[in-house]
N, C-alpha and C. Protein backbone atom coordinates (compact mmCIF):
# COMPACT_ATOMS: atom_id res chain seq x y z
N MET A 1 12.69 25.62 -9.84
CA MET A 1 13.29 24.46 -9.97
C MET A 1 12.65 23.74 -11.34
N GLY A 2 13.83 23.49 -12.11
CA GLY A 2 13.79 22.83 -13.57
C GLY A 2 13.48 21.37 -13.53
N LEU A 3 12.94 20.93 -14.71
CA LEU A 3 12.52 19.89 -14.88
C LEU A 3 13.66 18.77 -14.69
N SER A 4 14.75 18.98 -15.05
CA SER A 4 16.04 18.03 -14.56
C SER A 4 16.11 18.07 -13.05
N GLU A 5 15.99 18.85 -12.31
CA GLU A 5 15.85 18.73 -10.78
C GLU A 5 14.75 18.08 -10.15
N ILE A 6 13.74 18.26 -10.81
CA ILE A 6 12.55 17.48 -10.34
C ILE A 6 12.56 15.84 -10.66
N LEU A 7 13.05 15.70 -11.87
CA LEU A 7 13.12 14.37 -12.20
C LEU A 7 14.20 13.69 -11.58
N SER A 8 15.23 14.41 -10.86
CA SER A 8 16.30 13.57 -10.09
C SER A 8 16.13 13.89 -8.61
N LEU A 9 15.02 14.26 -7.96
CA LEU A 9 14.48 14.29 -6.75
C LEU A 9 14.64 12.69 -6.20
N LYS A 10 15.18 12.50 -5.11
CA LYS A 10 15.21 11.39 -4.41
C LYS A 10 14.66 11.34 -3.22
N ALA A 11 14.16 10.27 -2.71
CA ALA A 11 13.57 10.31 -1.26
C ALA A 11 13.55 9.00 -0.73
N ASP A 12 13.70 8.99 0.77
CA ASP A 12 13.57 8.04 1.52
C ASP A 12 12.32 7.08 1.45
N LYS A 13 12.36 5.80 1.78
CA LYS A 13 11.38 4.74 1.58
C LYS A 13 9.92 5.35 2.20
N LYS A 14 9.91 5.74 3.25
CA LYS A 14 8.74 6.29 3.92
C LYS A 14 8.05 7.00 3.08
N TYR A 15 8.64 8.30 2.51
CA TYR A 15 8.14 9.22 1.54
C TYR A 15 7.76 8.73 0.27
N LEU A 16 8.35 7.56 -0.16
CA LEU A 16 7.69 6.92 -1.41
C LEU A 16 6.68 6.24 -1.19
N VAL A 17 6.58 5.72 0.04
CA VAL A 17 5.17 5.21 0.44
C VAL A 17 4.05 6.08 0.68
N MET A 18 4.31 7.02 1.12
CA MET A 18 3.47 8.36 1.13
C MET A 18 3.01 9.04 -0.06
N VAL A 19 4.15 8.95 -0.96
CA VAL A 19 3.68 9.50 -2.08
C VAL A 19 2.70 8.52 -2.84
N ALA A 20 2.83 7.32 -2.85
CA ALA A 20 2.11 6.41 -3.52
C ALA A 20 0.77 6.29 -2.86
N GLY A 21 0.67 6.27 -1.73
CA GLY A 21 -0.70 6.32 -0.82
C GLY A 21 -1.47 7.81 -1.38
N LEU A 22 -0.99 8.88 -1.33
CA LEU A 22 -1.41 10.12 -1.87
C LEU A 22 -1.96 9.89 -3.15
N MET A 23 -1.16 9.26 -4.15
CA MET A 23 -1.53 9.15 -5.40
C MET A 23 -2.75 8.18 -5.51
N TRP A 24 -2.95 7.15 -4.92
CA TRP A 24 -3.73 6.19 -4.96
C TRP A 24 -5.16 6.89 -4.30
N CYS A 25 -4.99 7.76 -3.28
CA CYS A 25 -6.06 8.12 -2.65
C CYS A 25 -6.75 9.55 -3.68
N GLY A 26 -5.75 10.33 -4.36
CA GLY A 26 -5.99 11.34 -5.18
C GLY A 26 -6.77 10.82 -6.36
N VAL A 27 -6.20 9.90 -6.90
CA VAL A 27 -6.77 9.26 -8.23
C VAL A 27 -8.43 8.73 -7.95
N GLY A 28 -8.58 8.11 -6.65
CA GLY A 28 -9.59 7.47 -6.34
C GLY A 28 -10.64 8.88 -5.86
N VAL A 29 -10.39 9.62 -5.61
CA VAL A 29 -11.28 11.00 -5.34
C VAL A 29 -11.61 11.31 -6.76
N MET A 30 -10.77 11.54 -7.70
CA MET A 30 -10.88 12.03 -8.91
C MET A 30 -11.98 11.14 -9.64
N LEU A 31 -11.66 9.96 -9.70
CA LEU A 31 -12.57 9.09 -10.16
C LEU A 31 -14.19 9.06 -9.68
N MET A 32 -14.10 9.31 -8.24
CA MET A 32 -15.47 9.61 -7.66
C MET A 32 -15.96 10.77 -7.91
N ALA A 33 -15.07 11.74 -8.10
CA ALA A 33 -15.87 13.33 -8.39
C ALA A 33 -16.42 13.23 -9.99
N PHE A 34 -15.92 12.35 -10.97
CA PHE A 34 -16.56 12.40 -12.04
C PHE A 34 -17.99 11.64 -11.97
N ALA A 35 -18.04 10.49 -11.10
CA ALA A 35 -19.05 9.89 -11.02
C ALA A 35 -20.08 10.79 -10.38
N GLU A 36 -19.65 11.52 -9.15
CA GLU A 36 -20.57 12.43 -8.58
C GLU A 36 -21.13 13.32 -9.47
N THR A 37 -20.56 14.17 -10.42
CA THR A 37 -20.83 14.74 -11.37
C THR A 37 -21.90 14.45 -12.06
N TRP A 38 -21.46 13.13 -12.97
CA TRP A 38 -22.50 12.41 -13.70
C TRP A 38 -23.67 12.34 -13.07
N LEU A 39 -23.72 11.52 -11.61
CA LEU A 39 -24.95 11.40 -10.99
C LEU A 39 -25.68 12.43 -10.37
N SER A 40 -25.05 13.78 -10.34
CA SER A 40 -25.85 15.13 -10.04
C SER A 40 -26.62 15.65 -11.17
N ARG A 41 -26.30 15.26 -12.18
CA ARG A 41 -26.83 15.54 -13.32
C ARG A 41 -28.12 14.71 -13.95
N TYR A 42 -27.89 13.60 -13.17
CA TYR A 42 -29.00 12.47 -13.66
C TYR A 42 -30.51 12.86 -13.03
N THR A 43 -31.59 12.62 -13.64
CA THR A 43 -32.61 13.17 -13.01
C THR A 43 -33.62 11.90 -12.69
N GLY A 44 -33.08 10.59 -12.81
CA GLY A 44 -34.25 9.40 -12.64
C GLY A 44 -34.11 9.26 -11.18
N LYS A 45 -35.21 8.54 -10.94
CA LYS A 45 -35.62 8.40 -9.59
C LYS A 45 -34.65 7.42 -8.92
N TYR A 46 -33.90 6.69 -9.47
CA TYR A 46 -33.08 5.57 -9.02
C TYR A 46 -31.72 5.90 -8.73
N VAL A 47 -31.44 7.07 -8.56
CA VAL A 47 -30.13 7.63 -8.57
C VAL A 47 -29.11 7.09 -7.30
N TYR A 48 -29.85 6.80 -6.26
CA TYR A 48 -29.24 6.06 -5.08
C TYR A 48 -28.84 4.70 -5.29
N LEU A 49 -29.56 4.04 -6.09
CA LEU A 49 -29.08 2.83 -6.46
C LEU A 49 -27.89 2.67 -7.40
N PHE A 50 -27.53 3.66 -8.07
CA PHE A 50 -26.33 3.93 -8.64
C PHE A 50 -25.16 4.01 -7.76
N TYR A 51 -25.58 5.00 -6.68
CA TYR A 51 -24.56 5.00 -5.56
C TYR A 51 -24.17 4.00 -4.96
N LEU A 52 -25.21 3.08 -4.76
CA LEU A 52 -25.22 1.68 -4.07
C LEU A 52 -24.51 0.84 -4.64
N ALA A 53 -24.63 0.73 -6.05
CA ALA A 53 -24.11 -0.42 -6.59
C ALA A 53 -22.48 0.04 -6.85
N GLY A 54 -22.23 1.38 -7.18
CA GLY A 54 -20.71 1.82 -7.08
C GLY A 54 -19.84 1.43 -5.81
N PHE A 55 -20.60 1.36 -4.73
CA PHE A 55 -20.12 1.05 -3.40
C PHE A 55 -20.04 -0.43 -3.33
N LEU A 56 -21.08 -1.09 -3.61
CA LEU A 56 -20.98 -2.60 -3.56
C LEU A 56 -19.91 -3.14 -4.60
N THR A 57 -19.70 -2.69 -5.62
CA THR A 57 -18.55 -2.75 -6.84
C THR A 57 -17.16 -2.60 -6.13
N ALA A 58 -17.14 -1.48 -5.01
CA ALA A 58 -15.91 -1.06 -4.71
C ALA A 58 -15.16 -2.06 -3.69
N MET A 59 -16.03 -2.77 -3.04
CA MET A 59 -15.73 -3.60 -1.87
C MET A 59 -14.85 -4.91 -2.52
N PRO A 60 -15.16 -5.76 -3.35
CA PRO A 60 -14.41 -6.64 -3.88
C PRO A 60 -13.18 -6.18 -4.68
N ILE A 61 -13.52 -5.09 -5.39
CA ILE A 61 -12.35 -4.46 -6.14
C ILE A 61 -11.35 -4.09 -5.15
N HIS A 62 -11.63 -3.40 -4.23
CA HIS A 62 -10.63 -3.23 -2.91
C HIS A 62 -10.02 -4.46 -2.41
N HIS A 63 -10.91 -5.21 -1.97
CA HIS A 63 -10.39 -6.40 -1.26
C HIS A 63 -9.65 -7.53 -1.86
N PHE A 64 -10.01 -7.67 -3.01
CA PHE A 64 -9.45 -8.73 -4.14
C PHE A 64 -8.40 -8.32 -4.91
N GLY A 65 -8.52 -6.89 -5.18
CA GLY A 65 -7.72 -6.70 -6.39
C GLY A 65 -6.65 -5.43 -5.91
N PHE A 66 -7.04 -4.45 -5.54
CA PHE A 66 -6.09 -3.28 -5.17
C PHE A 66 -5.27 -3.28 -3.78
N LEU A 67 -6.10 -4.03 -2.95
CA LEU A 67 -5.42 -4.40 -1.74
C LEU A 67 -4.03 -5.09 -1.70
N LYS A 68 -4.32 -6.20 -2.46
CA LYS A 68 -3.25 -7.36 -2.81
C LYS A 68 -2.10 -6.52 -3.48
N LEU A 69 -2.45 -5.77 -4.73
CA LEU A 69 -1.42 -5.18 -5.30
C LEU A 69 -0.63 -3.81 -4.22
N ALA A 70 -1.67 -3.30 -3.52
CA ALA A 70 -0.71 -2.35 -2.56
C ALA A 70 0.03 -2.90 -1.63
N ASP A 71 -0.54 -4.16 -1.15
CA ASP A 71 0.45 -5.12 -0.27
C ASP A 71 1.81 -5.34 -1.00
N LYS A 72 1.68 -5.88 -2.06
CA LYS A 72 2.91 -6.27 -2.82
C LYS A 72 3.83 -4.90 -3.10
N ASN A 73 3.35 -4.02 -3.38
CA ASN A 73 3.84 -2.68 -3.75
C ASN A 73 4.63 -2.14 -2.52
N ILE A 74 3.97 -2.32 -1.41
CA ILE A 74 4.41 -1.73 0.11
C ILE A 74 5.73 -2.48 0.46
N GLY A 75 5.50 -3.82 0.28
CA GLY A 75 6.55 -4.68 0.43
C GLY A 75 7.73 -4.48 -0.32
N ARG A 76 7.47 -4.12 -1.53
CA ARG A 76 8.89 -3.77 -2.57
C ARG A 76 9.44 -2.42 -1.93
N LEU A 77 8.61 -1.50 -1.44
CA LEU A 77 9.26 -0.28 -0.79
C LEU A 77 9.79 -0.43 0.40
N LEU A 78 9.14 -1.19 1.24
CA LEU A 78 10.08 -1.55 2.54
C LEU A 78 11.26 -2.18 2.37
N GLU A 79 11.56 -2.85 1.24
CA GLU A 79 12.85 -3.54 1.14
C GLU A 79 14.02 -2.45 0.61
N ILE A 80 13.77 -1.27 0.26
CA ILE A 80 14.67 -0.30 -0.24
C ILE A 80 15.46 0.34 0.92
N SER A 81 16.68 0.24 0.69
CA SER A 81 17.89 0.81 1.68
C SER A 81 18.07 2.04 1.59
N GLU A 82 18.31 2.64 0.53
CA GLU A 82 18.84 3.88 0.04
C GLU A 82 17.58 4.69 -0.72
N LYS A 83 17.99 6.05 -0.58
CA LYS A 83 17.18 6.97 -1.32
C LYS A 83 16.88 6.57 -2.74
N ARG A 84 15.82 6.80 -3.35
CA ARG A 84 15.34 6.36 -4.56
C ARG A 84 14.68 7.52 -5.35
N SER A 85 14.74 7.65 -6.48
CA SER A 85 13.82 8.71 -7.30
C SER A 85 12.36 8.64 -6.63
N ILE A 86 12.03 9.81 -6.35
CA ILE A 86 10.40 10.09 -6.07
C ILE A 86 9.60 9.41 -7.19
N PHE A 87 9.66 9.09 -8.03
CA PHE A 87 9.10 8.34 -9.23
C PHE A 87 9.10 7.03 -9.04
N SER A 88 9.99 6.55 -8.14
CA SER A 88 10.11 5.06 -8.14
C SER A 88 9.14 4.29 -7.01
N PHE A 89 7.98 5.05 -6.68
CA PHE A 89 6.94 4.45 -5.84
C PHE A 89 6.14 3.46 -6.54
N ILE A 90 6.39 3.56 -7.78
CA ILE A 90 5.91 2.22 -8.69
C ILE A 90 6.79 1.85 -9.62
N THR A 91 6.73 0.72 -10.15
CA THR A 91 7.31 -0.14 -11.09
C THR A 91 7.08 0.67 -12.58
N ILE A 92 8.05 0.34 -13.40
CA ILE A 92 7.91 0.71 -14.71
C ILE A 92 6.55 0.01 -15.38
N LYS A 93 6.51 -1.30 -15.08
CA LYS A 93 5.30 -2.11 -15.65
C LYS A 93 4.14 -1.53 -15.08
N SER A 94 3.92 -0.95 -13.90
CA SER A 94 2.77 -0.18 -13.40
C SER A 94 2.62 1.10 -13.97
N TYR A 95 3.44 1.75 -14.37
CA TYR A 95 3.64 2.89 -15.21
C TYR A 95 2.59 2.69 -16.45
N LEU A 96 3.17 1.55 -17.20
CA LEU A 96 2.40 1.27 -18.56
C LEU A 96 1.17 0.89 -18.36
N THR A 97 0.83 0.25 -17.08
CA THR A 97 -0.59 -0.32 -16.57
C THR A 97 -1.23 1.08 -16.57
N ILE A 98 -0.74 2.11 -15.70
CA ILE A 98 -1.64 3.13 -15.70
C ILE A 98 -1.66 4.03 -17.14
N ILE A 99 -0.90 4.14 -17.81
CA ILE A 99 -1.17 4.60 -19.15
C ILE A 99 -2.10 3.92 -19.91
N PHE A 100 -2.42 2.53 -19.92
CA PHE A 100 -3.34 1.86 -20.58
C PHE A 100 -4.56 2.28 -20.06
N MET A 101 -4.95 2.36 -18.23
CA MET A 101 -5.90 2.69 -17.70
C MET A 101 -6.72 3.96 -18.11
N ILE A 102 -5.38 5.00 -18.12
CA ILE A 102 -5.94 6.15 -18.36
C ILE A 102 -6.47 6.46 -19.82
N ALA A 103 -6.13 5.68 -20.89
CA ALA A 103 -6.55 5.56 -22.21
C ALA A 103 -7.89 5.00 -22.19
N LEU A 104 -8.33 4.02 -21.24
CA LEU A 104 -9.60 3.25 -21.01
C LEU A 104 -10.36 4.23 -20.58
N GLY A 105 -9.91 5.02 -19.60
CA GLY A 105 -10.96 5.94 -18.98
C GLY A 105 -11.56 7.12 -19.93
N ILE A 106 -10.64 7.45 -20.66
CA ILE A 106 -10.68 8.60 -21.66
C ILE A 106 -11.84 8.05 -22.90
N THR A 107 -11.52 6.95 -23.06
CA THR A 107 -12.28 6.13 -23.94
C THR A 107 -13.92 6.11 -23.43
N LEU A 108 -13.85 5.48 -22.19
CA LEU A 108 -15.20 5.16 -21.74
C LEU A 108 -15.96 6.49 -21.54
N ARG A 109 -15.39 7.53 -20.96
CA ARG A 109 -15.86 8.76 -20.67
C ARG A 109 -16.55 9.52 -21.75
N HIS A 110 -15.87 9.15 -23.21
CA HIS A 110 -16.30 9.59 -24.40
C HIS A 110 -17.29 8.70 -25.17
N SER A 111 -17.39 7.61 -24.46
CA SER A 111 -18.31 6.55 -25.32
C SER A 111 -19.81 6.87 -25.16
N SER A 112 -20.71 6.14 -25.91
CA SER A 112 -22.01 6.44 -25.75
C SER A 112 -22.57 5.81 -24.33
N ILE A 113 -21.85 5.08 -23.64
CA ILE A 113 -22.49 4.43 -22.32
C ILE A 113 -23.13 5.66 -21.43
N PRO A 114 -24.22 5.26 -20.82
CA PRO A 114 -24.98 6.45 -20.12
C PRO A 114 -24.05 6.86 -18.88
N LYS A 115 -23.91 7.92 -18.62
CA LYS A 115 -23.05 8.13 -17.52
C LYS A 115 -23.51 7.63 -16.13
N GLN A 116 -24.71 7.37 -15.99
CA GLN A 116 -24.97 6.95 -14.71
C GLN A 116 -24.66 5.53 -14.32
N TYR A 117 -24.58 4.63 -15.44
CA TYR A 117 -24.06 3.22 -15.76
C TYR A 117 -22.32 3.33 -15.61
N LEU A 118 -21.71 4.25 -16.04
CA LEU A 118 -20.53 4.53 -15.90
C LEU A 118 -19.99 4.77 -14.57
N SER A 119 -20.93 5.64 -14.00
CA SER A 119 -20.70 6.23 -12.50
C SER A 119 -20.57 5.04 -11.50
N VAL A 120 -21.07 3.62 -11.90
CA VAL A 120 -20.84 2.30 -11.08
C VAL A 120 -19.52 2.28 -11.22
N VAL A 121 -18.99 2.21 -12.12
CA VAL A 121 -17.54 1.68 -12.48
C VAL A 121 -16.71 2.64 -11.88
N TYR A 122 -16.88 3.85 -11.84
CA TYR A 122 -15.91 4.94 -11.33
C TYR A 122 -16.02 5.06 -9.92
N ASN A 123 -17.18 5.02 -9.62
CA ASN A 123 -17.26 5.02 -8.02
C ASN A 123 -16.60 3.59 -7.66
N GLY A 124 -16.87 2.36 -8.08
CA GLY A 124 -16.28 1.27 -7.55
C GLY A 124 -14.68 1.24 -7.82
N ILE A 125 -14.16 1.59 -8.87
CA ILE A 125 -12.71 1.86 -8.97
C ILE A 125 -12.14 2.84 -7.93
N GLY A 126 -12.72 4.07 -8.05
CA GLY A 126 -12.31 5.28 -7.18
C GLY A 126 -12.29 4.66 -5.68
N LEU A 127 -13.40 4.35 -5.16
CA LEU A 127 -13.48 4.23 -3.69
C LEU A 127 -12.58 2.87 -3.53
N GLY A 128 -12.29 1.87 -4.32
CA GLY A 128 -11.29 0.86 -4.06
C GLY A 128 -10.07 1.35 -4.13
N LEU A 129 -9.59 2.15 -4.89
CA LEU A 129 -8.46 2.92 -5.00
C LEU A 129 -8.16 3.71 -3.81
N PHE A 130 -9.12 4.43 -3.20
CA PHE A 130 -9.09 5.44 -2.07
C PHE A 130 -8.71 4.30 -0.93
N LEU A 131 -9.57 3.45 -0.76
CA LEU A 131 -9.37 2.40 0.44
C LEU A 131 -8.15 2.14 0.51
N SER A 132 -7.59 1.57 -0.52
CA SER A 132 -6.19 0.95 -0.75
C SER A 132 -5.11 1.70 -0.37
N GLY A 133 -5.52 3.03 -0.66
CA GLY A 133 -4.46 4.02 -0.53
C GLY A 133 -4.24 4.38 0.83
N ILE A 134 -5.29 4.24 1.64
CA ILE A 134 -5.18 4.27 3.10
C ILE A 134 -4.11 3.27 3.71
N ARG A 135 -3.94 2.02 2.98
CA ARG A 135 -3.24 1.13 3.68
C ARG A 135 -1.80 1.66 3.44
N TYR A 136 -1.36 2.47 2.33
CA TYR A 136 0.07 3.11 2.16
C TYR A 136 0.21 4.21 3.26
N ILE A 137 -1.05 5.15 3.45
CA ILE A 137 -0.69 5.98 4.34
C ILE A 137 -0.54 5.68 5.75
N ARG A 138 -1.14 4.44 6.16
CA ARG A 138 -0.77 3.67 7.67
C ARG A 138 0.32 3.44 7.73
N ASN A 139 1.01 2.57 6.85
CA ASN A 139 2.24 2.22 6.56
C ASN A 139 3.30 3.70 6.71
N PHE A 140 3.10 4.53 6.06
CA PHE A 140 3.88 5.58 6.28
C PHE A 140 3.96 5.97 7.50
N PHE A 141 2.84 6.28 8.24
CA PHE A 141 2.84 6.73 9.53
C PHE A 141 3.65 5.70 10.71
N LYS A 142 3.40 4.33 10.16
CA LYS A 142 3.87 3.50 11.41
C LYS A 142 5.88 3.42 10.79
N LEU A 143 6.07 3.87 9.68
CA LEU A 143 7.40 3.90 9.23
C LEU A 143 8.19 5.49 9.94
N LEU A 144 7.22 6.34 10.10
CA LEU A 144 7.46 7.87 10.41
C LEU A 144 7.70 7.27 12.17
N ILE A 145 6.94 7.00 12.72
CA ILE A 145 6.88 6.64 14.09
C ILE A 145 7.95 5.92 14.43
N GLY A 146 8.23 4.65 13.74
CA GLY A 146 9.43 4.00 13.89
C GLY A 146 10.64 4.55 13.87
N SER A 147 10.80 5.41 12.78
CA SER A 147 12.11 6.18 12.73
C SER A 147 12.39 7.21 13.89
N ALA A 148 11.33 7.67 14.54
CA ALA A 148 11.31 8.60 15.67
C ALA A 148 12.03 7.88 16.86
N ASN A 149 11.97 6.53 16.93
CA ASN A 149 12.38 5.76 18.26
C ASN A 149 13.86 5.85 18.08
């Protein structure tokens, strides 16, 4: 399958919801894996405080930030009536935000900020993304079960 075929793939809204959920969860796991790698190399005696701080950071990020964004995006996807490009699970504006976030992540990873402190941010954002991604997966199964009736 060539690039043009991949770019022209179309999917029903339930699969767009699934793709979005898998992406959110996957990126969340990736960020938490960075944090875990950094904390596994940390030899300080307060390592569990960094894990706890990441978890406590994730809760408001998930609840007040990503969950609202996910609900808005799910609502947009549920309004779709015809098959769309597999890449339309997010908007163009969101793609630009993602590019900015990737650049910011690369900058932070290569900065002089100690990795154990950076792990708090990565665990917070990663777990927030993962938990919000579950909302997409739940909606996918609702759509899947609803279309079976």
